[in-house]
Structure formats: C-alpha cells, structure tokens
Amino acid sequence: MTAKQKDLVLDSYTNGLLYLQLETELKQKMISGEYAVGERIPTEPELCEEYGVSRITVRRAVQDLVEEGLLKKVRGRGTFVAVPKYVVGIGSGRDRGFDGLSRQGMQTSYQIIEGKEIPANESIAERLGVTLGDDVTYLRRLVLEGEVPLAIDDLFVSAAAFPGLLERIGEDVSFYSLVTRVYGYRFGEEDLTLEASSTRGDEARLLRCMVGAPLFVLRKLVLRADGHPLHYSKSVIRADRISYRFHVNRGGDLEKDGGADPFLVTGDLDTNGPDIVSAATEMVTLSA
C-alpha cells in the first residue's frame, strides 16, 4: 500500500463489502465539500491507487452513487458530483418558500449566520414601507438540505411589525411559521425577481461550491393580505440544485388555481454543462 492509499476498515454495518465502504467514503467527501457539486471526482485508476482496491470495487461503488443521483457520468469528461434537486413551491400558502422541502421528506434546516437590528436605508425603507432610519430586523441564514448547503437567505422586516423576532426564530424554526402562528399576519401577493449570477468567494465558502459556480438570485417582496409589506428577502441559491419552471395560461398569466404552484423549482436538468444558467429557466405555455 502506497503512502496515498487509505485503509478501509471492515465493519458489520457494511458486512465487510469494500464497495459499500468506498461509497460511504465518497459520500462523506461530498457532504464535507471536499468534492464540490459540479466537480469531477478522481478517475477509476486514481481511486484504485488512493484506496488500494480493485477496479471492480470502484466501478460498483461509483455506479451505485450514479443510480442514487449523487454522481453523474459525462462521456469524454469523467464523473461529476451532482446532488439531487427537489421541488420548492413559491406562492403557495402551505409550501411557501423553502418550507416545502420538508414535506418531501427532506431534512431542511436553517443555520443562523447573523441577526441584528439596523437602520433602514433608502432602498429597504421603500420596500418595507417604513421611514428612512427606522429600525429593521436583518437576518442572514444558511438554508441546508441535510448537511448540504442549498442557499443563503437575507431577510429584512420592520422591527415594529415583528417585535422580538430575533429571540423567537431559531435554527429549527421557520420565519413563515412565525408569521401566522405568532404574529397573526395573513399572506398577500408576492413580487418576485429572478436573476442569474455566479458564486463569489464568500458565497462559495458558505455554500461549499466552487467560485464561479452558477447561482440564482431570487429577490422577493411579500405583502400582507391588507396590502402592507410583510418582508423583503434576497436568496442566493445554488443553480446546480434548483431549476425554475413557469406555467403560463392562454391569456399570458401565471396559473394560480387549485393545487400546483405556478412558480416551481424542479430537479430534472443537466447541471454539468457550461450553459446551466441559460438552460435552467424554462417557460412552458399551456396548450389549448
């Protein structure tokens, strides 16, 4: 065994099967960010040398991870990390924002990075309908899917409209649950702006992805049922995890009836190509 090789310890959990232990090892590297989403993993010969196992073992482990949707093979380029995507509803009262992920069996949580009261600048004052310099509660959170970062969410609300918010919200408490349950507000309309961007150094560190990786920037102004501003937020979302799909009716309006959200995030796009940002936003016009 060379200095680079690692000793895979057999245990009862894997029944001594090396390919299962190699799968676990590769998964841990994805979770820790050592293998970033969209990054090519080592080749078969490189994995054989690193772990001191046969090509058959490596191929079985990699193929299982491909079938799980954690890896994706691209002909002529190699095998890349491709974390599965999920549906996120926007505009639905029941599955509003990132909260809808938990209804799909996901372990969605929030890591609070910063929370404080700040004076409203001109831009925030206009959006929240407050006076310049009024107290605004600012909250920055990292949205996690299990242990994997999904988005950075910056939230702004009027401190007068949400007294004690910083004391009430926690890493296992969603803001939207507090809106109705604690503060008694009803949701009204939403104004959404979606932009394409790329990851900067500080964002890459938090999201555990490569600098320059594609991002969606979602700016959202949500109103209360009485028309007063409820909150303004800016979410920086990993585009390798999310794609947006719009349903438009024959009159050119977004569908808002019944069950399906008109504004969905769905996971069925190739994230390994260079044109992911242009490919990820799809407009679908309903047929007659």
C-alpha atoms as a PDB file:
ATOM      1  CA  MET A   1       0.000   0.000   0.000  1.00  0.00           C
ATOM      2  CA  THR A   2       1.433   3.387  -1.009  1.00  0.00           C
ATOM      3  CA  ALA A   3       1.531   6.467   1.212  1.00  0.00           C
ATOM      4  CA  LYS A   4      -1.546   7.793  -0.591  1.00  0.00           C
ATOM      5  CA  GLN A   5      -3.611   4.653  -0.046  1.00  0.00           C
ATOM      6  CA  LYS A   6      -6.187   4.552   2.723  1.00  0.00           C
ATOM      7  CA  ASP A   7      -7.005   1.593   4.929  1.00  0.00           C
ATOM      8  CA  LEU A   8     -10.727   0.808   4.575  1.00  0.00           C
ATOM      9  CA  VAL A   9     -11.673  -0.796   7.875  1.00  0.00           C
ATOM     10  CA  LEU A  10     -14.234  -3.600   7.583  1.00  0.00           C
ATOM     11  CA  ASP A  11     -17.218  -3.372   9.872  1.00  0.00           C
ATOM     12  CA  SER A  12     -20.539  -5.101  10.484  1.00  0.00           C
ATOM     13  CA  TYR A  13     -22.543  -2.181   9.105  1.00  0.00           C
ATOM     14  CA  THR A  14     -21.207  -2.785   5.583  1.00  0.00           C
ATOM     15  CA  ASN A  15     -20.891  -6.572   6.032  1.00  0.00           C
ATOM     16  CA  GLY A  16     -17.252  -6.303   5.010  1.00  0.00           C
ATOM     17  CA  LEU A  17     -18.084  -5.229   1.442  1.00  0.00           C
ATOM     18  CA  LEU A  18     -15.400  -2.854   0.243  1.00  0.00           C
ATOM     19  CA  TYR A  19     -17.573  -1.198  -2.412  1.00  0.00           C
ATOM     20  CA  LEU A  20     -20.095  -0.168   0.255  1.00  0.00           C
ATOM     21  CA  GLN A  21     -17.342   1.298   2.382  1.00  0.00           C
ATOM     22  CA  LEU A  22     -15.969   3.141  -0.647  1.00  0.00           C
ATOM     23  CA  GLU A  23     -19.468   4.518  -1.328  1.00  0.00           C
ATOM     24  CA  THR A  24     -19.604   5.823   2.244  1.00  0.00           C
ATOM     25  CA  GLU A  25     -16.162   7.385   1.903  1.00  0.00           C
ATOM     26  CA  LEU A  26     -17.119   9.172  -1.323  1.00  0.00           C
ATOM     27  CA  LYS A  27     -20.412  10.381   0.175  1.00  0.00           C
ATOM     28  CA  GLN A  28     -18.583  11.856   3.136  1.00  0.00           C
ATOM     29  CA  LYS A  29     -16.316  13.778   0.797  1.00  0.00           C
ATOM     30  CA  MET A  30     -19.384  15.196  -0.977  1.00  0.00           C
ATOM     31  CA  ILE A  31     -21.024  16.209   2.297  1.00  0.00           C
ATOM     32  CA  SER A  32     -17.848  17.845   3.612  1.00  0.00           C
ATOM     33  CA  GLY A  33     -17.387  19.764   0.375  1.00  0.00           C
ATOM     34  CA  GLU A  34     -14.070  18.120  -0.487  1.00  0.00           C
ATOM     35  CA  TYR A  35     -15.829  17.019  -3.670  1.00  0.00           C
ATOM     36  CA  ALA A  36     -17.852  20.120  -4.579  1.00  0.00           C
ATOM     37  CA  VAL A  37     -21.043  19.925  -6.604  1.00  0.00           C
ATOM     38  CA  GLY A  38     -20.194  20.068 -10.300  1.00  0.00           C
ATOM     39  CA  GLU A  39     -16.605  18.982  -9.652  1.00  0.00           C
ATOM     40  CA  ARG A  40     -15.079  15.943 -11.338  1.00  0.00           C
ATOM     41  CA  ILE A  41     -14.127  13.160  -8.931  1.00  0.00           C
ATOM     42  CA  PRO A  42     -10.884  11.174  -9.377  1.00  0.00           C
ATOM     43  CA  THR A  43     -10.735   8.650 -12.208  1.00  0.00           C
ATOM     44  CA  GLU A  44     -11.057   4.908 -11.668  1.00  0.00           C
ATOM     45  CA  PRO A  45      -7.276   4.347 -11.676  1.00  0.00           C
ATOM     46  CA  GLU A  46      -6.807   7.253  -9.255  1.00  0.00           C
ATOM     47  CA  LEU A  47      -9.425   5.855  -6.844  1.00  0.00           C
ATOM     48  CA  CYS A  48      -7.882   2.382  -7.104  1.00  0.00           C
ATOM     49  CA  GLU A  49      -4.491   3.791  -6.170  1.00  0.00           C
ATOM     50  CA  GLU A  50      -5.820   6.039  -3.405  1.00  0.00           C
ATOM     51  CA  TYR A  51      -7.841   3.333  -1.652  1.00  0.00           C
ATOM     52  CA  GLY A  52      -5.925   0.206  -2.661  1.00  0.00           C
ATOM     53  CA  VAL A  53      -8.959  -1.525  -4.153  1.00  0.00           C
ATOM     54  CA  SER A  54      -9.726  -3.156  -7.496  1.00  0.00           C
ATOM     55  CA  ARG A  55     -11.393  -1.510 -10.492  1.00  0.00           C
ATOM     56  CA  ILE A  56     -14.407  -3.781  -9.990  1.00  0.00           C
ATOM     57  CA  THR A  57     -14.854  -2.357  -6.466  1.00  0.00           C
ATOM     58  CA  VAL A  58     -14.515   1.229  -7.708  1.00  0.00           C
ATOM     59  CA  ARG A  59     -16.930   0.701 -10.616  1.00  0.00           C
ATOM     60  CA  ARG A  60     -19.577  -0.853  -8.357  1.00  0.00           C
ATOM     61  CA  ALA A  61     -19.325   1.976  -5.797  1.00  0.00           C
ATOM     62  CA  VAL A  62     -19.414   4.725  -8.431  1.00  0.00           C
ATOM     63  CA  GLN A  63     -22.298   3.119 -10.332  1.00  0.00           C
ATOM     64  CA  ASP A  64     -24.372   2.852  -7.158  1.00  0.00           C
ATOM     65  CA  LEU A  65     -23.808   6.565  -6.487  1.00  0.00           C
ATOM     66  CA  VAL A  66     -24.762   7.358 -10.083  1.00  0.00           C
ATOM     67  CA  GLU A  67     -28.014   5.431  -9.647  1.00  0.00           C
ATOM     68  CA  GLU A  68     -28.678   7.371  -6.418  1.00  0.00           C
ATOM     69  CA  GLY A  69     -28.279  10.602  -8.361  1.00  0.00           C
ATOM     70  CA  LEU A  70     -25.253  11.730  -6.370  1.00  0.00           C
ATOM     71  CA  LEU A  71     -22.838  11.328  -9.280  1.00  0.00           C
ATOM     72  CA  LYS A  72     -23.283  11.820 -12.999  1.00  0.00           C
ATOM     73  CA  LYS A  73     -21.156  10.423 -15.798  1.00  0.00           C
ATOM     74  CA  VAL A  74     -20.422  12.643 -18.786  1.00  0.00           C
ATOM     75  CA  ARG A  75     -18.966  10.891 -21.813  1.00  0.00           C
ATOM     76  CA  GLY A  76     -15.463  12.048 -22.606  1.00  0.00           C
ATOM     77  CA  ARG A  77     -15.262  14.231 -19.472  1.00  0.00           C
ATOM     78  CA  GLY A  78     -15.497  11.962 -16.437  1.00  0.00           C
ATOM     79  CA  THR A  79     -17.764  11.553 -13.417  1.00  0.00           C
ATOM     80  CA  PHE A  80     -19.091  14.633 -11.626  1.00  0.00           C
ATOM     81  CA  VAL A  81     -20.808  15.360  -8.312  1.00  0.00           C
ATOM     82  CA  ALA A  82     -24.494  16.045  -8.964  1.00  0.00           C
ATOM     83  CA  VAL A  83     -26.534  16.380  -5.772  1.00  0.00           C
ATOM     84  CA  PRO A  84     -30.250  15.653  -6.441  1.00  0.00           C
ATOM     85  CA  LYS A  85     -32.652  18.553  -6.873  1.00  0.00           C
ATOM     86  CA  TYR A  86     -36.066  18.922  -5.283  1.00  0.00           C
ATOM     87  CA  VAL A  87     -39.327  20.790  -5.808  1.00  0.00           C
ATOM     88  CA  VAL A  88     -39.736  24.058  -3.908  1.00  0.00           C
ATOM     89  CA  GLY A  89     -43.068  25.899  -4.133  1.00  0.00           C
ATOM     90  CA  ILE A  90     -43.197  29.692  -4.186  1.00  0.00           C
ATOM     91  CA  GLY A  91     -46.514  31.438  -3.704  1.00  0.00           C
ATOM     92  CA  SER A  92     -48.310  28.532  -2.042  1.00  0.00           C
ATOM     93  CA  GLY A  93     -49.581  29.128   1.459  1.00  0.00           C
ATOM     94  CA  ARG A  94     -48.879  25.568   2.550  1.00  0.00           C
ATOM     95  CA  ASP A  95     -45.467  25.108   0.980  1.00  0.00           C
ATOM     96  CA  ARG A  96     -44.250  28.693   0.945  1.00  0.00           C
ATOM     97  CA  GLY A  97     -40.554  29.232   0.215  1.00  0.00           C
ATOM     98  CA  PHE A  98     -38.028  26.644   1.354  1.00  0.00           C
ATOM     99  CA  ASP A  99     -40.507  25.224   3.882  1.00  0.00           C
ATOM    100  CA  GLY A 100     -41.951  22.974   1.167  1.00  0.00           C
ATOM    101  CA  LEU A 101     -38.771  20.880   1.129  1.00  0.00           C
ATOM    102  CA  SER A 102     -39.601  19.285   4.468  1.00  0.00           C
ATOM    103  CA  ARG A 103     -42.892  17.992   3.082  1.00  0.00           C
ATOM    104  CA  GLN A 104     -40.890  15.891   0.615  1.00  0.00           C
ATOM    105  CA  GLY A 105     -39.132  14.026   3.407  1.00  0.00           C
ATOM    106  CA  MET A 106     -36.063  16.250   3.368  1.00  0.00           C
ATOM    107  CA  GLN A 107     -34.215  17.402   6.466  1.00  0.00           C
ATOM    108  CA  THR A 108     -34.413  21.135   5.861  1.00  0.00           C
ATOM    109  CA  SER A 109     -32.859  23.378   8.494  1.00  0.00           C
ATOM    110  CA  TYR A 110     -31.526  26.910   8.870  1.00  0.00           C
ATOM    111  CA  GLN A 111     -28.152  27.936  10.235  1.00  0.00           C
ATOM    112  CA  ILE A 112     -28.273  31.497  11.566  1.00  0.00           C
ATOM    113  CA  ILE A 113     -25.200  33.398  10.407  1.00  0.00           C
ATOM    114  CA  GLU A 114     -26.163  36.869  11.606  1.00  0.00           C
ATOM    115  CA  GLY A 115     -29.134  38.601  13.192  1.00  0.00           C
ATOM    116  CA  LYS A 116     -29.397  42.233  14.268  1.00  0.00           C
ATOM    117  CA  GLU A 117     -31.391  45.442  14.068  1.00  0.00           C
ATOM    118  CA  ILE A 118     -30.191  48.025  11.552  1.00  0.00           C
ATOM    119  CA  PRO A 119     -31.445  51.446  10.419  1.00  0.00           C
ATOM    120  CA  ALA A 120     -33.425  51.289   7.169  1.00  0.00           C
ATOM    121  CA  ASN A 121     -31.550  52.695   4.194  1.00  0.00           C
ATOM    122  CA  GLU A 122     -33.441  54.268   1.316  1.00  0.00           C
ATOM    123  CA  SER A 123     -33.845  51.020  -0.638  1.00  0.00           C
ATOM    124  CA  ILE A 124     -35.072  48.930   2.308  1.00  0.00           C
ATOM    125  CA  ALA A 125     -37.305  51.730   3.631  1.00  0.00           C
ATOM    126  CA  GLU A 126     -39.069  51.965   0.274  1.00  0.00           C
ATOM    127  CA  ARG A 127     -39.597  48.206   0.041  1.00  0.00           C
ATOM    128  CA  LEU A 128     -40.861  47.781   3.609  1.00  0.00           C
ATOM    129  CA  GLY A 129     -42.929  50.972   3.639  1.00  0.00           C
ATOM    130  CA  VAL A 130     -41.081  52.434   6.625  1.00  0.00           C
ATOM    131  CA  THR A 131     -39.335  55.748   7.219  1.00  0.00           C
ATOM    132  CA  LEU A 132     -35.668  56.185   6.390  1.00  0.00           C
ATOM    133  CA  GLY A 133     -33.679  55.288   9.524  1.00  0.00           C
ATOM    134  CA  ASP A 134     -36.451  53.213  11.151  1.00  0.00           C
ATOM    135  CA  ASP A 135     -35.369  50.017  12.893  1.00  0.00           C
ATOM    136  CA  VAL A 136     -35.295  46.994  10.596  1.00  0.00           C
ATOM    137  CA  THR A 137     -34.603  43.430  11.712  1.00  0.00           C
ATOM    138  CA  TYR A 138     -31.997  41.793   9.481  1.00  0.00           C
ATOM    139  CA  LEU A 139     -31.440  38.045   9.477  1.00  0.00           C
ATOM    140  CA  ARG A 140     -28.927  36.094   7.381  1.00  0.00           C
ATOM    141  CA  ARG A 141     -29.382  32.330   7.319  1.00  0.00           C
ATOM    142  CA  LEU A 142     -27.882  29.375   5.508  1.00  0.00           C
ATOM    143  CA  VAL A 143     -30.557  27.015   4.194  1.00  0.00           C
ATOM    144  CA  LEU A 144     -29.450  23.390   4.492  1.00  0.00           C
ATOM    145  CA  GLU A 145     -30.725  20.166   2.961  1.00  0.00           C
ATOM    146  CA  GLY A 146     -29.465  17.670   5.500  1.00  0.00           C
ATOM    147  CA  GLU A 147     -25.833  18.717   5.862  1.00  0.00           C
ATOM    148  CA  VAL A 148     -25.531  20.179   2.354  1.00  0.00           C
ATOM    149  CA  PRO A 149     -25.970  23.966   1.857  1.00  0.00           C
ATOM    150  CA  LEU A 150     -28.721  24.975  -0.534  1.00  0.00           C
ATOM    151  CA  ALA A 151     -28.998  28.768  -0.304  1.00  0.00           C
ATOM    152  CA  ILE A 152     -28.053  31.928   1.581  1.00  0.00           C
ATOM    153  CA  ASP A 153     -31.139  33.874   2.625  1.00  0.00           C
ATOM    154  CA  ASP A 154     -31.075  37.547   3.665  1.00  0.00           C
ATOM    155  CA  LEU A 155     -34.346  38.620   5.320  1.00  0.00           C
ATOM    156  CA  PHE A 156     -35.491  42.173   6.152  1.00  0.00           C
ATOM    157  CA  VAL A 157     -38.618  43.028   8.173  1.00  0.00           C
ATOM    158  CA  SER A 158     -39.887  46.055  10.058  1.00  0.00           C
ATOM    159  CA  ALA A 159     -38.791  45.730  13.689  1.00  0.00           C
ATOM    160  CA  ALA A 160     -42.055  47.385  14.775  1.00  0.00           C
ATOM    161  CA  ALA A 161     -44.111  44.819  12.843  1.00  0.00           C
ATOM    162  CA  PHE A 162     -42.107  41.862  14.185  1.00  0.00           C
ATOM    163  CA  PRO A 163     -41.108  42.664  17.787  1.00  0.00           C
ATOM    164  CA  GLY A 164     -38.876  40.027  19.377  1.00  0.00           C
ATOM    165  CA  LEU A 165     -38.248  38.169  16.114  1.00  0.00           C
ATOM    166  CA  LEU A 166     -34.564  37.513  16.832  1.00  0.00           C
ATOM    167  CA  GLU A 167     -35.470  35.899  20.163  1.00  0.00           C
ATOM    168  CA  ARG A 168     -38.225  33.736  18.644  1.00  0.00           C
ATOM    169  CA  ILE A 169     -36.587  32.449  15.492  1.00  0.00           C
ATOM    170  CA  GLY A 170     -34.157  29.557  15.684  1.00  0.00           C
ATOM    171  CA  GLU A 171     -32.316  27.104  13.500  1.00  0.00           C
ATOM    172  CA  ASP A 172     -35.294  24.724  13.617  1.00  0.00           C
ATOM    173  CA  VAL A 173     -37.963  27.453  13.361  1.00  0.00           C
ATOM    174  CA  SER A 174     -39.044  28.857  10.002  1.00  0.00           C
ATOM    175  CA  PHE A 175     -39.885  32.533   9.618  1.00  0.00           C
ATOM    176  CA  TYR A 176     -43.107  31.764   7.753  1.00  0.00           C
ATOM    177  CA  SER A 177     -44.408  29.625  10.612  1.00  0.00           C
ATOM    178  CA  LEU A 178     -43.971  32.582  12.960  1.00  0.00           C
ATOM    179  CA  VAL A 179     -45.745  34.976  10.562  1.00  0.00           C
ATOM    180  CA  THR A 180     -49.128  33.293  11.051  1.00  0.00           C
ATOM    181  CA  ARG A 181     -48.731  31.452  14.345  1.00  0.00           C
ATOM    182  CA  VAL A 182     -47.132  34.192  16.463  1.00  0.00           C
ATOM    183  CA  TYR A 183     -47.715  37.487  14.668  1.00  0.00           C
ATOM    184  CA  GLY A 184     -51.112  36.677  13.186  1.00  0.00           C
ATOM    185  CA  TYR A 185     -50.479  38.053   9.694  1.00  0.00           C
ATOM    186  CA  ARG A 186     -52.099  36.628   6.573  1.00  0.00           C
ATOM    187  CA  PHE A 187     -50.134  36.378   3.335  1.00  0.00           C
ATOM    188  CA  GLY A 188     -50.982  38.513   0.339  1.00  0.00           C
ATOM    189  CA  GLU A 189     -49.300  38.983  -3.022  1.00  0.00           C
ATOM    190  CA  GLU A 190     -45.628  38.425  -3.821  1.00  0.00           C
ATOM    191  CA  ASP A 191     -43.360  40.299  -6.202  1.00  0.00           C
ATOM    192  CA  LEU A 192     -40.510  38.081  -7.433  1.00  0.00           C
ATOM    193  CA  THR A 193     -37.394  38.892  -9.430  1.00  0.00           C
ATOM    194  CA  LEU A 194     -35.102  36.100 -10.622  1.00  0.00           C
ATOM    195  CA  GLU A 195     -31.573  36.778 -11.852  1.00  0.00           C
ATOM    196  CA  ALA A 196     -28.618  34.644 -12.926  1.00  0.00           C
ATOM    197  CA  SER A 197     -25.266  35.143 -11.254  1.00  0.00           C
ATOM    198  CA  SER A 198     -22.073  33.316 -10.303  1.00  0.00           C
ATOM    199  CA  THR A 199     -20.568  32.429  -6.953  1.00  0.00           C
ATOM    200  CA  ARG A 200     -18.158  34.828  -5.256  1.00  0.00           C
ATOM    201  CA  GLY A 201     -15.525  33.759  -2.737  1.00  0.00           C
ATOM    202  CA  ASP A 202     -17.573  34.395   0.415  1.00  0.00           C
ATOM    203  CA  GLU A 203     -20.636  32.711  -1.094  1.00  0.00           C
ATOM    204  CA  ALA A 204     -18.598  29.710  -2.247  1.00  0.00           C
ATOM    205  CA  ARG A 205     -17.286  29.254   1.287  1.00  0.00           C
ATOM    206  CA  LEU A 206     -20.802  29.207   2.778  1.00  0.00           C
ATOM    207  CA  LEU A 207     -22.412  27.151   0.001  1.00  0.00           C
ATOM    208  CA  ARG A 208     -19.450  24.775  -0.262  1.00  0.00           C
ATOM    209  CA  CYS A 209     -19.187  25.032  -4.024  1.00  0.00           C
ATOM    210  CA  MET A 210     -16.604  26.326  -6.488  1.00  0.00           C
ATOM    211  CA  VAL A 211     -16.032  30.038  -7.085  1.00  0.00           C
ATOM    212  CA  GLY A 212     -17.774  30.951 -10.324  1.00  0.00           C
ATOM    213  CA  ALA A 213     -20.417  28.224  -9.983  1.00  0.00           C
ATOM    214  CA  PRO A 214     -23.840  29.297 -11.340  1.00  0.00           C
ATOM    215  CA  LEU A 215     -26.354  30.846  -8.969  1.00  0.00           C
ATOM    216  CA  PHE A 216     -29.925  32.068  -8.967  1.00  0.00           C
ATOM    217  CA  VAL A 217     -30.578  35.315  -7.106  1.00  0.00           C
ATOM    218  CA  LEU A 218     -34.217  35.499  -6.029  1.00  0.00           C
ATOM    219  CA  ARG A 219     -35.447  38.862  -4.708  1.00  0.00           C
ATOM    220  CA  LYS A 220     -38.841  38.672  -3.077  1.00  0.00           C
ATOM    221  CA  LEU A 221     -41.201  41.290  -1.665  1.00  0.00           C
ATOM    222  CA  VAL A 222     -44.125  39.678   0.150  1.00  0.00           C
ATOM    223  CA  LEU A 223     -47.210  41.675   1.123  1.00  0.00           C
ATOM    224  CA  ARG A 224     -49.711  41.028   3.868  1.00  0.00           C
ATOM    225  CA  ALA A 225     -53.341  40.363   2.970  1.00  0.00           C
ATOM    226  CA  ASP A 226     -54.110  44.018   3.770  1.00  0.00           C
ATOM    227  CA  GLY A 227     -51.529  45.157   1.209  1.00  0.00           C
ATOM    228  CA  HIS A 228     -48.842  46.309   3.671  1.00  0.00           C
ATOM    229  CA  PRO A 229     -45.297  44.954   3.151  1.00  0.00           C
ATOM    230  CA  LEU A 230     -44.567  41.814   5.137  1.00  0.00           C
ATOM    231  CA  HIS A 231     -40.903  41.223   4.308  1.00  0.00           C
ATOM    232  CA  TYR A 232     -38.216  41.668   1.708  1.00  0.00           C
ATOM    233  CA  SER A 233     -35.656  38.955   1.086  1.00  0.00           C
ATOM    234  CA  LYS A 234     -32.756  38.129  -1.183  1.00  0.00           C
ATOM    235  CA  SER A 235     -31.884  34.464  -1.637  1.00  0.00           C
ATOM    236  CA  VAL A 236     -28.655  33.319  -3.300  1.00  0.00           C
ATOM    237  CA  ILE A 237     -29.433  29.788  -4.481  1.00  0.00           C
ATOM    238  CA  ARG A 238     -27.193  27.133  -5.981  1.00  0.00           C
ATOM    239  CA  ALA A 239     -28.302  26.663  -9.608  1.00  0.00           C
ATOM    240  CA  ASP A 240     -26.916  23.129  -9.636  1.00  0.00           C
ATOM    241  CA  ARG A 241     -29.624  22.234  -7.128  1.00  0.00           C
ATOM    242  CA  ILE A 242     -32.627  24.138  -8.470  1.00  0.00           C
ATOM    243  CA  SER A 243     -34.369  24.995 -11.722  1.00  0.00           C
ATOM    244  CA  TYR A 244     -37.402  27.246 -12.123  1.00  0.00           C
ATOM    245  CA  ARG A 245     -40.440  26.409 -14.219  1.00  0.00           C
ATOM    246  CA  PHE A 246     -43.273  28.822 -15.008  1.00  0.00           C
ATOM    247  CA  HIS A 247     -46.764  27.738 -16.075  1.00  0.00           C
ATOM    248  CA  VAL A 248     -48.494  30.360 -18.215  1.00  0.00           C
ATOM    249  CA  ASN A 249     -52.142  30.196 -19.276  1.00  0.00           C
ATOM    250  CA  ARG A 250     -53.566  31.139 -22.650  1.00  0.00           C
ATOM    251  CA  GLY A 251     -54.034  34.728 -21.528  1.00  0.00           C
ATOM    252  CA  GLY A 252     -50.347  35.054 -20.675  1.00  0.00           C
ATOM    253  CA  ASP A 253     -50.876  34.973 -16.894  1.00  0.00           C
ATOM    254  CA  LEU A 254     -49.243  32.641 -14.379  1.00  0.00           C
ATOM    255  CA  GLU A 255     -51.572  29.879 -13.253  1.00  0.00           C
ATOM    256  CA  LYS A 256     -52.780  30.407  -9.693  1.00  0.00           C
ATOM    257  CA  ASP A 257     -55.604  27.941  -9.346  1.00  0.00           C
ATOM    258  CA  GLY A 258     -56.012  24.813  -7.301  1.00  0.00           C
ATOM    259  CA  GLY A 259     -53.132  22.595  -6.474  1.00  0.00           C
ATOM    260  CA  ALA A 260     -49.996  23.301  -8.439  1.00  0.00           C
ATOM    261  CA  ASP A 261     -47.882  26.329  -7.815  1.00  0.00           C
ATOM    262  CA  PRO A 262     -47.362  28.462 -10.896  1.00  0.00           C
ATOM    263  CA  PHE A 263     -43.748  29.000  -9.832  1.00  0.00           C
ATOM    264  CA  LEU A 264     -41.956  25.748  -9.161  1.00  0.00           C
ATOM    265  CA  VAL A 265     -38.427  24.615  -8.565  1.00  0.00           C
ATOM    266  CA  THR A 266     -37.825  21.231 -10.109  1.00  0.00           C
ATOM    267  CA  GLY A 267     -34.879  18.912 -10.466  1.00  0.00           C
ATOM    268  CA  ASP A 268     -34.538  17.482 -13.938  1.00  0.00           C
ATOM    269  CA  LEU A 269     -31.812  19.480 -15.708  1.00  0.00           C
ATOM    270  CA  ASP A 270     -28.229  18.603 -16.630  1.00  0.00           C
ATOM    271  CA  THR A 271     -26.027  20.544 -14.228  1.00  0.00           C
ATOM    272  CA  ASN A 272     -22.689  19.637 -15.773  1.00  0.00           C
ATOM    273  CA  GLY A 273     -22.827  21.690 -18.967  1.00  0.00           C
ATOM    274  CA  PRO A 274     -21.397  25.197 -19.255  1.00  0.00           C
ATOM    275  CA  ASP A 275     -24.791  26.680 -20.102  1.00  0.00           C
ATOM    276  CA  ILE A 276     -26.662  25.679 -16.954  1.00  0.00           C
ATOM    277  CA  VAL A 277     -27.897  29.177 -16.154  1.00  0.00           C
ATOM    278  CA  SER A 278     -29.468  29.687 -19.563  1.00  0.00           C
ATOM    279  CA  ALA A 279     -30.861  26.157 -19.571  1.00  0.00           C
ATOM    280  CA  ALA A 280     -32.254  26.192 -16.053  1.00  0.00           C
ATOM    281  CA  THR A 281     -35.088  28.669 -16.588  1.00  0.00           C
ATOM    282  CA  GLU A 282     -37.813  27.172 -18.708  1.00  0.00           C
ATOM    283  CA  MET A 283     -41.024  28.881 -19.797  1.00  0.00           C
ATOM    284  CA  VAL A 284     -43.897  26.491 -20.519  1.00  0.00           C
ATOM    285  CA  THR A 285     -47.045  27.777 -22.226  1.00  0.00           C
ATOM    286  CA  LEU A 286     -50.066  25.566 -21.557  1.00  0.00           C
ATOM    287  CA  SER A 287     -51.510  24.036 -24.690  1.00  0.00           C
ATOM    288  CA  ALA A 288     -55.082  24.705 -25.765  1.00  0.00           C
END
